[in-house]
Amino acid sequence: MALFILLCFSCQHKEGNGGDSQIHKNLISFDNKFLRDLTSEELNNYTYGKGSIQKEQRGDTLYVTADFPWDGCADMEGDLVYKGDSLTLVYRLKEEVLCTEIIYYRLQYKILNKEKLDYKLKVEFQEKGKTSTPNTV
């Protein structure tokens, strides 16, 4: 019985559009927050998915921050997808609520990286288990 309880609590399940699949075990934490409004020039030259990404390895942890414009009232959850020397930082909506305004978001990923590998990074929006148009920042 104790083994059953331990197994039930050892898996971290996600809710929202992703269903009952698991969040990758190397994702220590994820946070999304409002960074700023777009300037009038940015609004006039808006390109979906254009933004910036910063990474820093500290000890066994890789800290990645991605800033980019997106829907103004989204609440997101994060995940990871590894493929060779590439690491895709996935984000998806917790609820299917979208607004017409566009703002700059900051996504922050804290990732276990004991091997200290220098991954090629990209950020992608995922909807209902399928990755949409790549949002490479």
N, C-alpha and C. Protein backbone atom coordinates (compact mmCIF):
# COMPACT_ATOMS: atom_id res chain seq x y z
N MET A 1 0.82 -1.19 0.00
CA MET A 1 0.00 0.00 0.00
C MET A 1 0.87 1.26 0.00
N ALA A 2 1.93 1.27 0.80
CA ALA A 2 2.81 2.44 0.85
C ALA A 2 3.48 2.68 -0.49
N LEU A 3 3.84 1.58 -1.21
CA LEU A 3 4.44 1.71 -2.53
C LEU A 3 3.47 2.37 -3.50
N PHE A 4 2.20 1.99 -3.44
CA PHE A 4 1.16 2.58 -4.29
C PHE A 4 1.03 4.08 -4.03
N ILE A 5 1.01 4.48 -2.79
CA ILE A 5 0.90 5.90 -2.43
C ILE A 5 2.14 6.65 -2.91
N LEU A 6 3.33 6.05 -2.73
CA LEU A 6 4.56 6.68 -3.19
C LEU A 6 4.55 6.88 -4.70
N LEU A 7 4.10 5.87 -5.44
CA LEU A 7 4.03 5.98 -6.90
C LEU A 7 3.04 7.06 -7.33
N CYS A 8 1.95 7.17 -6.65
CA CYS A 8 0.94 8.18 -7.00
C CYS A 8 1.49 9.59 -6.83
N PHE A 9 2.29 9.80 -5.79
CA PHE A 9 2.81 11.14 -5.53
C PHE A 9 4.11 11.43 -6.26
N SER A 10 4.77 10.41 -6.82
CA SER A 10 6.04 10.65 -7.49
C SER A 10 5.87 11.23 -8.89
N CYS A 11 4.70 11.11 -9.49
CA CYS A 11 4.45 11.66 -10.82
C CYS A 11 3.79 13.02 -10.70
N GLN A 12 4.31 13.96 -11.46
CA GLN A 12 3.74 15.31 -11.45
C GLN A 12 2.88 15.45 -12.69
N HIS A 13 1.57 15.42 -12.53
CA HIS A 13 0.67 15.53 -13.66
C HIS A 13 0.31 16.97 -13.90
N LYS A 14 0.02 17.28 -15.17
CA LYS A 14 -0.37 18.63 -15.51
C LYS A 14 -1.82 18.66 -15.93
N GLU A 15 -2.42 19.80 -15.76
CA GLU A 15 -3.78 20.00 -16.20
C GLU A 15 -3.75 20.98 -17.35
N GLY A 16 -4.88 21.27 -17.92
CA GLY A 16 -4.94 22.23 -19.02
C GLY A 16 -5.02 21.50 -20.33
N ASN A 17 -4.51 22.12 -21.40
CA ASN A 17 -4.64 21.57 -22.74
C ASN A 17 -3.83 20.32 -22.97
N GLY A 18 -2.83 20.04 -22.16
CA GLY A 18 -1.95 18.91 -22.38
C GLY A 18 -2.53 17.57 -21.94
N GLY A 19 -3.59 17.54 -21.23
CA GLY A 19 -4.17 16.28 -20.77
C GLY A 19 -3.46 15.77 -19.55
N ASP A 20 -3.26 14.43 -19.51
CA ASP A 20 -2.66 13.81 -18.34
C ASP A 20 -1.20 13.44 -18.52
N SER A 21 -0.52 13.99 -19.52
CA SER A 21 0.88 13.64 -19.70
C SER A 21 1.72 14.31 -18.61
N GLN A 22 2.94 13.80 -18.45
CA GLN A 22 3.80 14.28 -17.37
C GLN A 22 4.67 15.43 -17.82
N ILE A 23 5.00 16.30 -16.89
CA ILE A 23 5.99 17.35 -17.10
C ILE A 23 7.36 16.69 -17.03
N HIS A 24 8.30 17.11 -17.88
CA HIS A 24 9.62 16.49 -17.90
C HIS A 24 10.29 16.59 -16.52
N LYS A 25 10.92 15.51 -16.10
CA LYS A 25 11.51 15.44 -14.76
C LYS A 25 12.64 16.45 -14.54
N ASN A 26 13.29 16.93 -15.61
CA ASN A 26 14.38 17.90 -15.45
C ASN A 26 13.91 19.34 -15.30
N LEU A 27 12.63 19.58 -15.47
CA LEU A 27 12.10 20.94 -15.28
C LEU A 27 11.90 21.16 -13.79
N ILE A 28 12.78 21.94 -13.20
CA ILE A 28 12.70 22.22 -11.76
C ILE A 28 11.58 23.20 -11.48
N SER A 29 11.50 24.27 -12.30
CA SER A 29 10.41 25.24 -12.12
C SER A 29 10.19 26.01 -13.42
N PHE A 30 9.00 26.58 -13.52
CA PHE A 30 8.61 27.41 -14.65
C PHE A 30 7.78 28.57 -14.12
N ASP A 31 8.01 29.75 -14.70
CA ASP A 31 7.23 30.91 -14.32
C ASP A 31 6.98 31.75 -15.56
N ASN A 32 5.80 32.31 -15.68
CA ASN A 32 5.51 33.26 -16.75
C ASN A 32 4.95 34.52 -16.13
N LYS A 33 5.36 35.66 -16.68
CA LYS A 33 4.86 36.91 -16.12
C LYS A 33 4.85 38.01 -17.17
N PHE A 34 4.03 38.99 -16.92
CA PHE A 34 3.96 40.18 -17.73
C PHE A 34 5.28 40.91 -17.60
N LEU A 35 5.89 41.26 -18.72
CA LEU A 35 7.15 41.99 -18.68
C LEU A 35 6.91 43.48 -18.96
N ARG A 36 6.21 43.77 -20.07
CA ARG A 36 5.93 45.15 -20.42
C ARG A 36 4.98 45.22 -21.60
N ASP A 37 4.41 46.39 -21.83
CA ASP A 37 3.61 46.63 -23.02
C ASP A 37 4.55 46.83 -24.21
N LEU A 38 4.05 46.59 -25.40
CA LEU A 38 4.83 46.86 -26.59
C LEU A 38 4.84 48.36 -26.85
N THR A 39 5.95 48.85 -27.37
CA THR A 39 6.01 50.25 -27.78
C THR A 39 5.20 50.40 -29.06
N SER A 40 4.86 51.63 -29.42
CA SER A 40 4.10 51.85 -30.65
C SER A 40 4.88 51.38 -31.87
N GLU A 41 6.21 51.54 -31.85
CA GLU A 41 7.03 51.06 -32.97
C GLU A 41 6.98 49.53 -33.05
N GLU A 42 7.06 48.86 -31.89
CA GLU A 42 6.99 47.40 -31.88
C GLU A 42 5.63 46.91 -32.38
N LEU A 43 4.57 47.62 -32.00
CA LEU A 43 3.24 47.24 -32.48
C LEU A 43 3.14 47.35 -33.99
N ASN A 44 3.73 48.40 -34.55
CA ASN A 44 3.70 48.61 -36.00
C ASN A 44 4.53 47.58 -36.75
N ASN A 45 5.57 47.05 -36.12
CA ASN A 45 6.47 46.09 -36.76
C ASN A 45 6.38 44.71 -36.11
N TYR A 46 5.24 44.40 -35.50
CA TYR A 46 5.07 43.16 -34.75
C TYR A 46 5.28 41.93 -35.62
N THR A 47 6.12 41.01 -35.14
CA THR A 47 6.34 39.73 -35.79
C THR A 47 6.12 38.64 -34.75
N TYR A 48 5.24 37.71 -35.03
CA TYR A 48 4.97 36.62 -34.10
C TYR A 48 6.26 35.87 -33.79
N GLY A 49 6.50 35.67 -32.51
CA GLY A 49 7.62 34.84 -32.08
C GLY A 49 8.97 35.51 -32.07
N LYS A 50 9.05 36.77 -32.41
CA LYS A 50 10.34 37.45 -32.40
C LYS A 50 10.61 37.97 -30.99
N GLY A 51 11.71 37.59 -30.42
CA GLY A 51 12.03 38.01 -29.07
C GLY A 51 13.47 37.70 -28.75
N SER A 52 13.76 37.45 -27.48
CA SER A 52 15.14 37.16 -27.07
C SER A 52 15.15 36.01 -26.08
N ILE A 53 16.31 35.37 -25.99
CA ILE A 53 16.47 34.27 -25.05
C ILE A 53 17.85 34.38 -24.41
N GLN A 54 17.89 34.18 -23.10
CA GLN A 54 19.15 34.23 -22.36
C GLN A 54 19.26 32.93 -21.56
N LYS A 55 20.50 32.43 -21.44
CA LYS A 55 20.72 31.23 -20.63
C LYS A 55 21.96 31.40 -19.79
N GLU A 56 21.94 30.75 -18.64
CA GLU A 56 23.08 30.80 -17.73
C GLU A 56 23.13 29.48 -16.95
N GLN A 57 24.28 28.84 -16.98
CA GLN A 57 24.50 27.61 -16.21
C GLN A 57 25.12 27.99 -14.88
N ARG A 58 24.46 27.60 -13.78
CA ARG A 58 25.00 27.81 -12.43
C ARG A 58 24.95 26.48 -11.71
N GLY A 59 26.13 25.91 -11.48
CA GLY A 59 26.17 24.59 -10.85
C GLY A 59 25.51 23.57 -11.75
N ASP A 60 24.59 22.78 -11.20
CA ASP A 60 23.87 21.76 -11.96
C ASP A 60 22.58 22.28 -12.58
N THR A 61 22.37 23.59 -12.53
CA THR A 61 21.11 24.16 -12.98
C THR A 61 21.31 25.11 -14.15
N LEU A 62 20.48 24.95 -15.19
CA LEU A 62 20.46 25.84 -16.34
C LEU A 62 19.27 26.77 -16.17
N TYR A 63 19.53 28.07 -16.16
CA TYR A 63 18.49 29.08 -16.05
C TYR A 63 18.27 29.67 -17.44
N VAL A 64 17.04 29.61 -17.93
CA VAL A 64 16.73 30.15 -19.25
C VAL A 64 15.58 31.14 -19.11
N THR A 65 15.75 32.31 -19.73
CA THR A 65 14.72 33.34 -19.75
C THR A 65 14.42 33.68 -21.20
N ALA A 66 13.16 33.63 -21.57
CA ALA A 66 12.72 33.99 -22.92
C ALA A 66 11.73 35.14 -22.82
N ASP A 67 12.00 36.22 -23.52
CA ASP A 67 11.10 37.38 -23.57
C ASP A 67 10.57 37.49 -24.99
N PHE A 68 9.25 37.61 -25.14
CA PHE A 68 8.67 37.74 -26.47
C PHE A 68 7.23 38.24 -26.37
N PRO A 69 6.73 38.84 -27.45
CA PRO A 69 5.36 39.32 -27.45
C PRO A 69 4.38 38.17 -27.72
N TRP A 70 3.25 38.23 -27.00
CA TRP A 70 2.22 37.22 -27.19
C TRP A 70 0.92 37.74 -26.62
N ASP A 71 -0.10 36.91 -26.65
CA ASP A 71 -1.43 37.26 -26.18
C ASP A 71 -1.40 37.83 -24.77
N GLY A 72 -2.16 38.91 -24.54
CA GLY A 72 -2.07 39.68 -23.31
C GLY A 72 -2.69 39.12 -22.05
N CYS A 73 -3.42 38.03 -22.10
CA CYS A 73 -4.01 37.53 -20.85
C CYS A 73 -3.78 36.04 -20.67
N ALA A 74 -2.70 35.53 -21.21
CA ALA A 74 -2.43 34.10 -21.14
C ALA A 74 -1.80 33.72 -19.81
N ASP A 75 -2.25 32.60 -19.26
CA ASP A 75 -1.61 31.99 -18.10
C ASP A 75 -1.07 30.66 -18.59
N MET A 76 0.23 30.45 -18.46
CA MET A 76 0.87 29.32 -19.11
C MET A 76 1.52 28.36 -18.13
N GLU A 77 1.82 27.18 -18.66
CA GLU A 77 2.62 26.19 -17.96
C GLU A 77 3.73 25.76 -18.91
N GLY A 78 4.84 25.31 -18.36
CA GLY A 78 6.00 24.97 -19.17
C GLY A 78 6.33 23.50 -19.16
N ASP A 79 7.14 23.10 -20.13
CA ASP A 79 7.61 21.73 -20.25
C ASP A 79 8.90 21.75 -21.08
N LEU A 80 9.54 20.61 -21.22
CA LEU A 80 10.78 20.48 -21.96
C LEU A 80 10.69 19.33 -22.95
N VAL A 81 11.36 19.48 -24.10
CA VAL A 81 11.49 18.39 -25.07
C VAL A 81 12.95 18.36 -25.52
N TYR A 82 13.63 17.23 -25.28
CA TYR A 82 15.02 17.06 -25.68
C TYR A 82 15.07 16.30 -27.00
N LYS A 83 15.96 16.74 -27.89
CA LYS A 83 16.18 16.02 -29.15
C LYS A 83 17.64 16.26 -29.54
N GLY A 84 18.49 15.27 -29.28
CA GLY A 84 19.92 15.41 -29.57
C GLY A 84 20.53 16.53 -28.76
N ASP A 85 21.17 17.49 -29.46
CA ASP A 85 21.80 18.62 -28.77
C ASP A 85 20.87 19.82 -28.69
N SER A 86 19.58 19.61 -28.97
CA SER A 86 18.60 20.69 -28.91
C SER A 86 17.64 20.50 -27.74
N LEU A 87 17.25 21.61 -27.17
CA LEU A 87 16.28 21.61 -26.08
C LEU A 87 15.17 22.59 -26.44
N THR A 88 13.96 22.08 -26.54
CA THR A 88 12.81 22.92 -26.84
C THR A 88 12.10 23.24 -25.53
N LEU A 89 11.95 24.52 -25.27
CA LEU A 89 11.22 25.00 -24.10
C LEU A 89 9.78 25.18 -24.54
N VAL A 90 8.91 24.35 -24.04
CA VAL A 90 7.52 24.36 -24.44
C VAL A 90 6.71 25.18 -23.46
N TYR A 91 5.74 25.92 -23.98
CA TYR A 91 4.75 26.58 -23.13
C TYR A 91 3.38 26.34 -23.71
N ARG A 92 2.40 26.20 -22.84
CA ARG A 92 1.02 25.98 -23.25
C ARG A 92 0.08 26.69 -22.30
N LEU A 93 -1.11 26.96 -22.79
CA LEU A 93 -2.11 27.65 -21.99
C LEU A 93 -2.66 26.73 -20.91
N LYS A 94 -2.86 27.27 -19.72
CA LYS A 94 -3.55 26.53 -18.66
C LYS A 94 -5.04 26.52 -18.94
N GLU A 95 -5.54 27.61 -19.50
CA GLU A 95 -6.95 27.73 -19.85
C GLU A 95 -7.03 28.33 -21.25
N GLU A 96 -8.06 28.00 -21.98
CA GLU A 96 -8.22 28.51 -23.34
C GLU A 96 -8.87 29.89 -23.32
N VAL A 97 -8.16 30.86 -22.80
CA VAL A 97 -8.64 32.24 -22.74
C VAL A 97 -7.60 33.10 -23.46
N LEU A 98 -8.03 33.81 -24.49
CA LEU A 98 -7.12 34.67 -25.22
C LEU A 98 -7.70 36.07 -25.31
N CYS A 99 -6.83 37.05 -25.42
CA CYS A 99 -7.22 38.45 -25.57
C CYS A 99 -6.68 38.97 -26.89
N THR A 100 -7.16 40.11 -27.30
CA THR A 100 -6.68 40.69 -28.54
C THR A 100 -5.42 41.52 -28.35
N GLU A 101 -5.12 41.95 -27.13
CA GLU A 101 -3.93 42.76 -26.91
C GLU A 101 -2.68 41.89 -26.96
N ILE A 102 -1.57 42.49 -27.33
CA ILE A 102 -0.28 41.82 -27.37
C ILE A 102 0.64 42.52 -26.37
N ILE A 103 1.30 41.72 -25.52
CA ILE A 103 2.24 42.27 -24.54
C ILE A 103 3.52 41.44 -24.58
N TYR A 104 4.56 41.93 -23.93
CA TYR A 104 5.79 41.15 -23.79
C TYR A 104 5.68 40.28 -22.55
N TYR A 105 5.96 39.01 -22.74
CA TYR A 105 6.01 38.04 -21.64
C TYR A 105 7.45 37.68 -21.34
N ARG A 106 7.66 37.23 -20.12
CA ARG A 106 8.93 36.64 -19.73
C ARG A 106 8.62 35.23 -19.21
N LEU A 107 9.21 34.24 -19.88
CA LEU A 107 9.12 32.86 -19.43
C LEU A 107 10.45 32.51 -18.79
N GLN A 108 10.39 31.92 -17.60
CA GLN A 108 11.61 31.55 -16.90
C GLN A 108 11.58 30.06 -16.61
N TYR A 109 12.59 29.37 -17.11
CA TYR A 109 12.74 27.93 -16.93
C TYR A 109 13.97 27.68 -16.06
N LYS A 110 13.82 26.82 -15.08
CA LYS A 110 14.93 26.38 -14.23
C LYS A 110 15.05 24.87 -14.49
N ILE A 111 16.19 24.45 -15.08
CA ILE A 111 16.32 23.10 -15.62
C ILE A 111 17.52 22.39 -15.01
N LEU A 112 17.31 21.16 -14.58
CA LEU A 112 18.41 20.33 -14.08
C LEU A 112 19.29 19.96 -15.27
N ASN A 113 20.58 20.30 -15.19
CA ASN A 113 21.52 20.04 -16.28
C ASN A 113 22.87 19.65 -15.67
N LYS A 114 22.89 18.49 -15.01
CA LYS A 114 24.10 18.03 -14.31
C LYS A 114 25.28 17.86 -15.25
N GLU A 115 25.00 17.50 -16.52
CA GLU A 115 26.08 17.29 -17.49
C GLU A 115 26.63 18.60 -18.02
N LYS A 116 25.95 19.72 -17.72
CA LYS A 116 26.36 21.07 -18.16
C LYS A 116 26.49 21.14 -19.68
N LEU A 117 25.55 20.51 -20.38
CA LEU A 117 25.54 20.53 -21.84
C LEU A 117 25.08 21.88 -22.35
N ASP A 118 25.66 22.32 -23.46
CA ASP A 118 25.32 23.60 -24.07
C ASP A 118 24.30 23.34 -25.18
N TYR A 119 23.03 23.32 -24.82
CA TYR A 119 21.96 23.01 -25.76
C TYR A 119 21.67 24.16 -26.72
N LYS A 120 21.25 23.81 -27.94
CA LYS A 120 20.63 24.77 -28.84
C LYS A 120 19.21 24.92 -28.33
N LEU A 121 18.78 26.15 -28.08
CA LEU A 121 17.48 26.38 -27.46
C LEU A 121 16.48 26.98 -28.43
N LYS A 122 15.23 26.58 -28.27
CA LYS A 122 14.14 27.25 -28.96
C LYS A 122 12.91 27.15 -28.07
N VAL A 123 11.97 28.05 -28.31
CA VAL A 123 10.75 28.11 -27.52
C VAL A 123 9.59 27.86 -28.46
N GLU A 124 8.68 26.98 -28.05
CA GLU A 124 7.52 26.65 -28.89
C GLU A 124 6.24 26.61 -28.09
N PHE A 125 5.19 27.11 -28.69
CA PHE A 125 3.86 27.03 -28.12
C PHE A 125 3.28 25.68 -28.48
N GLN A 126 2.63 25.01 -27.52
CA GLN A 126 2.03 23.71 -27.73
C GLN A 126 0.56 23.79 -27.38
N GLU A 127 -0.27 23.27 -28.26
CA GLU A 127 -1.71 23.27 -28.04
C GLU A 127 -2.25 21.86 -28.19
N LYS A 128 -2.92 21.37 -27.17
CA LYS A 128 -3.54 20.05 -27.18
C LYS A 128 -2.57 18.96 -27.63
N GLY A 129 -1.34 19.02 -27.06
CA GLY A 129 -0.36 17.98 -27.32
C GLY A 129 0.39 18.12 -28.63
N LYS A 130 0.06 19.12 -29.46
CA LYS A 130 0.75 19.32 -30.73
C LYS A 130 1.47 20.66 -30.70
N THR A 131 2.70 20.65 -31.20
CA THR A 131 3.47 21.89 -31.25
C THR A 131 3.02 22.68 -32.47
N SER A 132 2.79 23.96 -32.25
CA SER A 132 2.34 24.81 -33.36
C SER A 132 3.54 25.46 -34.03
N THR A 133 3.29 26.54 -34.68
CA THR A 133 4.35 27.28 -35.37
C THR A 133 5.49 27.54 -34.39
N PRO A 134 6.71 27.17 -34.78
CA PRO A 134 7.84 27.40 -33.88
C PRO A 134 7.98 28.87 -33.52
N ASN A 135 8.22 29.12 -32.27
CA ASN A 135 8.40 30.46 -31.76
C ASN A 135 9.85 30.55 -31.32
N THR A 136 10.77 30.60 -32.28
CA THR A 136 12.19 30.62 -31.97
C THR A 136 12.60 32.03 -31.62
N VAL A 137 13.06 32.22 -30.42
CA VAL A 137 13.46 33.56 -29.98
C VAL A 137 14.96 33.61 -29.79
